[in-house]
C-alpha atoms as a PDB file:
ATOM      1  CA  MET A   1     -26.235  -8.254  27.716  1.00  0.00           C
ATOM      2  CA  VAL A   2     -27.237 -11.269  25.633  1.00  0.00           C
ATOM      3  CA  GLY A   3     -27.522  -9.073  22.518  1.00  0.00           C
ATOM      4  CA  GLN A   4     -24.052  -7.684  23.112  1.00  0.00           C
ATOM      5  CA  ASN A   5     -22.553 -11.166  23.275  1.00  0.00           C
ATOM      6  CA  ARG A   6     -24.320 -12.106  20.063  1.00  0.00           C
ATOM      7  CA  SER A   7     -22.988  -9.019  18.236  1.00  0.00           C
ATOM      8  CA  LEU A   8     -19.512  -9.706  19.619  1.00  0.00           C
ATOM      9  CA  GLY A   9     -19.766 -13.216  18.182  1.00  0.00           C
ATOM     10  CA  TRP A  10     -20.623 -11.827  14.758  1.00  0.00           C
ATOM     11  CA  SER A  11     -17.802  -9.280  15.003  1.00  0.00           C
ATOM     12  CA  MET A  12     -15.335 -12.037  15.779  1.00  0.00           C
ATOM     13  CA  ARG A  13     -16.637 -14.111  12.864  1.00  0.00           C
ATOM     14  CA  ILE A  14     -16.240 -11.179  10.484  1.00  0.00           C
ATOM     15  CA  LEU A  15     -12.736 -10.495  11.792  1.00  0.00           C
ATOM     16  CA  TYR A  16     -11.821 -14.169  11.469  1.00  0.00           C
ATOM     17  CA  SER A  17     -13.209 -14.264   7.919  1.00  0.00           C
ATOM     18  CA  GLY A  18     -11.168 -11.213   6.970  1.00  0.00           C
ATOM     19  CA  VAL A  19      -8.017 -12.734   8.389  1.00  0.00           C
ATOM     20  CA  MET A  20      -8.638 -16.000   6.555  1.00  0.00           C
ATOM     21  CA  VAL A  21      -9.196 -14.179   3.238  1.00  0.00           C
ATOM     22  CA  SER A  22      -5.947 -12.251   3.778  1.00  0.00           C
ATOM     23  CA  VAL A  23      -4.046 -15.443   4.506  1.00  0.00           C
ATOM     24  CA  PHE A  24      -5.509 -17.061   1.407  1.00  0.00           C
ATOM     25  CA  LEU A  25      -4.610 -14.107  -0.813  1.00  0.00           C
ATOM     26  CA  LEU A  26      -1.081 -13.973   0.557  1.00  0.00           C
ATOM     27  CA  SER A  27      -0.584 -17.686   0.078  1.00  0.00           C
ATOM     28  CA  ALA A  28      -1.918 -17.369  -3.463  1.00  0.00           C
ATOM     29  CA  GLY A  29       0.817 -14.853  -4.275  1.00  0.00           C
ATOM     30  CA  VAL A  30      -1.412 -11.809  -4.720  1.00  0.00           C
ATOM     31  CA  SER A  31       0.942  -9.631  -2.676  1.00  0.00           C
ATOM     32  CA  ALA A  32       3.750 -10.384  -5.141  1.00  0.00           C
ATOM     33  CA  ASP A  33       1.710  -9.120  -8.093  1.00  0.00           C
ATOM     34  CA  PRO A  34       2.836  -5.651  -9.283  1.00  0.00           C
ATOM     35  CA  GLN A  35      -0.677  -5.109 -10.711  1.00  0.00           C
ATOM     36  CA  TRP A  36      -2.048  -5.225  -7.170  1.00  0.00           C
ATOM     37  CA  GLY A  37       0.533  -2.594  -6.224  1.00  0.00           C
ATOM     38  CA  GLN A  38      -0.549  -0.457  -9.166  1.00  0.00           C
ATOM     39  CA  ALA A  39      -4.196  -0.728  -8.116  1.00  0.00           C
ATOM     40  CA  LEU A  40      -3.286   0.331  -4.583  1.00  0.00           C
ATOM     41  CA  TYR A  41      -1.175   3.212  -5.921  1.00  0.00           C
ATOM     42  CA  ASP A  42      -3.880   4.406  -8.323  1.00  0.00           C
ATOM     43  CA  GLU A  43      -7.032   3.801  -6.310  1.00  0.00           C
ATOM     44  CA  THR A  44      -6.287   4.281  -2.611  1.00  0.00           C
ATOM     45  CA  GLU A  45      -7.855   7.570  -1.553  1.00  0.00           C
ATOM     46  CA  PHE A  46      -7.098   9.295   1.713  1.00  0.00           C
ATOM     47  CA  GLU A  47      -7.735  12.664   3.345  1.00  0.00           C
ATOM     48  CA  ARG A  48      -5.126  15.433   3.278  1.00  0.00           C
ATOM     49  CA  GLU A  49      -4.874  19.180   3.343  1.00  0.00           C
ATOM     50  CA  ILE A  50      -3.363  20.407   0.092  1.00  0.00           C
ATOM     51  CA  ASN A  51      -2.706  24.106  -0.533  1.00  0.00           C
ATOM     52  CA  GLY A  52      -4.985  25.041   2.374  1.00  0.00           C
ATOM     53  CA  GLU A  53      -7.884  22.924   1.119  1.00  0.00           C
ATOM     54  CA  TRP A  54      -9.032  19.759   2.916  1.00  0.00           C
ATOM     55  CA  ARG A  55      -9.577  16.986   0.375  1.00  0.00           C
ATOM     56  CA  ASP A  56     -10.820  13.418   0.734  1.00  0.00           C
ATOM     57  CA  ASP A  57      -9.844  12.272  -2.770  1.00  0.00           C
ATOM     58  CA  VAL A  58      -6.057  12.391  -2.513  1.00  0.00           C
ATOM     59  CA  THR A  59      -4.128   9.570  -4.192  1.00  0.00           C
ATOM     60  CA  CYS A  60      -0.410   8.944  -4.623  1.00  0.00           C
ATOM     61  CA  SER A  61      -0.483  10.560  -8.059  1.00  0.00           C
ATOM     62  CA  THR A  62      -1.898  13.754  -6.532  1.00  0.00           C
ATOM     63  CA  CYS A  63       1.648  14.522  -5.398  1.00  0.00           C
ATOM     64  CA  HIS A  64       3.724  12.163  -7.572  1.00  0.00           C
ATOM     65  CA  ASP A  65       3.395  12.382 -11.341  1.00  0.00           C
ATOM     66  CA  PRO A  66       5.556  10.067 -13.502  1.00  0.00           C
ATOM     67  CA  GLU A  67       8.284  12.721 -13.830  1.00  0.00           C
ATOM     68  CA  PHE A  68       8.773  12.498 -10.065  1.00  0.00           C
ATOM     69  CA  TYR A  69      10.125   8.969 -10.469  1.00  0.00           C
ATOM     70  CA  THR A  70      12.209   9.559 -13.590  1.00  0.00           C
ATOM     71  CA  ARG A  71      13.958  12.801 -12.568  1.00  0.00           C
ATOM     72  CA  ALA A  72      17.740  12.808 -12.424  1.00  0.00           C
ATOM     73  CA  GLU A  73      17.937  13.743  -8.739  1.00  0.00           C
ATOM     74  CA  ARG A  74      15.559  11.073  -7.461  1.00  0.00           C
ATOM     75  CA  ARG A  75      16.308   9.962  -3.908  1.00  0.00           C
ATOM     76  CA  ALA A  76      15.826   6.208  -4.207  1.00  0.00           C
ATOM     77  CA  ASP A  77      19.049   4.588  -5.356  1.00  0.00           C
ATOM     78  CA  ARG A  78      18.261   0.923  -4.650  1.00  0.00           C
ATOM     79  CA  TYR A  79      15.237  -1.264  -3.940  1.00  0.00           C
ATOM     80  CA  ARG A  80      15.497  -0.981  -0.158  1.00  0.00           C
ATOM     81  CA  SER A  81      15.553   2.825  -0.233  1.00  0.00           C
ATOM     82  CA  LEU A  82      12.518   2.824  -2.564  1.00  0.00           C
ATOM     83  CA  HIS A  83      10.698   0.622  -0.052  1.00  0.00           C
ATOM     84  CA  THR A  84      11.674   3.025   2.739  1.00  0.00           C
ATOM     85  CA  TRP A  85      10.221   5.969   0.793  1.00  0.00           C
ATOM     86  CA  VAL A  86       6.940   4.150   0.099  1.00  0.00           C
ATOM     87  CA  ASP A  87       6.670   3.175   3.764  1.00  0.00           C
ATOM     88  CA  SER A  88       7.441   6.756   4.787  1.00  0.00           C
ATOM     89  CA  CYS A  89       4.639   8.101   2.584  1.00  0.00           C
ATOM     90  CA  ASN A  90       2.316   5.460   4.025  1.00  0.00           C
ATOM     91  CA  THR A  91       3.108   6.636   7.554  1.00  0.00           C
ATOM     92  CA  THR A  92       3.342  10.378   6.936  1.00  0.00           C
ATOM     93  CA  MET A  93       0.150  10.561   4.896  1.00  0.00           C
ATOM     94  CA  SER A  94      -1.763   8.120   7.129  1.00  0.00           C
ATOM     95  CA  VAL A  95      -2.621   5.925   4.141  1.00  0.00           C
ATOM     96  CA  GLN A  96      -2.949   2.901   6.450  1.00  0.00           C
ATOM     97  CA  TRP A  97      -1.569   0.253   4.098  1.00  0.00           C
ATOM     98  CA  PHE A  98      -0.530  -3.034   5.661  1.00  0.00           C
ATOM     99  CA  PRO A  99       3.124  -4.098   5.228  1.00  0.00           C
ATOM    100  CA  ASP A 100       2.239  -6.430   2.339  1.00  0.00           C
ATOM    101  CA  GLU A 101       0.509  -3.533   0.582  1.00  0.00           C
ATOM    102  CA  VAL A 102       3.599  -1.328   1.028  1.00  0.00           C
ATOM    103  CA  ASP A 103       5.588  -4.214  -0.487  1.00  0.00           C
ATOM    104  CA  ALA A 104       3.179  -4.448  -3.435  1.00  0.00           C
ATOM    105  CA  VAL A 105       3.341  -0.703  -4.178  1.00  0.00           C
ATOM    106  CA  THR A 106       7.136  -0.842  -3.939  1.00  0.00           C
ATOM    107  CA  ARG A 107       7.197  -3.735  -6.423  1.00  0.00           C
ATOM    108  CA  TYR A 108       4.919  -1.819  -8.784  1.00  0.00           C
ATOM    109  CA  LEU A 109       7.031   1.360  -8.683  1.00  0.00           C
ATOM    110  CA  ASN A 110      10.198  -0.653  -9.120  1.00  0.00           C
ATOM    111  CA  ALA A 111       8.819  -2.534 -12.133  1.00  0.00           C
ATOM    112  CA  GLU A 112       7.366   0.622 -13.703  1.00  0.00           C
ATOM    113  CA  TYR A 113      10.138   3.181 -13.089  1.00  0.00           C
ATOM    114  CA  TYR A 114      13.259   1.970 -11.319  1.00  0.00           C
ATOM    115  CA  GLN A 115      14.211  -1.593 -12.295  1.00  0.00           C
ATOM    116  CA  PHE A 116      16.401  -2.082  -9.215  1.00  0.00           C
ATOM    117  CA  PRO A 117      17.346  -5.675  -8.404  1.00  0.00           C
ATOM    118  CA  ALA A 118      14.555  -6.813  -6.098  1.00  0.00           C
ATOM    119  CA  PRO A 119      15.104  -9.058  -3.102  1.00  0.00           C
ATOM    120  CA  ALA A 120      14.029 -12.673  -3.464  1.00  0.00           C
ATOM    121  CA  PRO A 121      10.436 -13.324  -2.332  1.00  0.00           C
ATOM    122  CA  GLN A 122      10.091 -14.735   1.156  1.00  0.00           C
ATOM    123  CA  GLU A 123       8.388 -18.100   1.429  1.00  0.00           C
END
């Protein structure tokens, strides 16, 4: 029982440290950086079945090449709808990004492909 309490204490410390790092990064403006969104877009790997094969190396670009974003019949027609699509992929594909990460990927895609007027950053 004593060992369990000690490990719980360490777990809480690790959790608290992670929360504090997240708060620091957010306050430092990292979430507003499109490069962070690009890194998430390019490097986040998740598991998916594709063409009957289970893969653990799926990234956004597995399904979305640059032509996907520049096609004439693209579905996003403003910043908010782009954000909705990114959030939908996050949920549907079980990517498990936090809301600030969805925001960062949206900012990256907007800067790279769409150039919609973006909402003012929240302070």
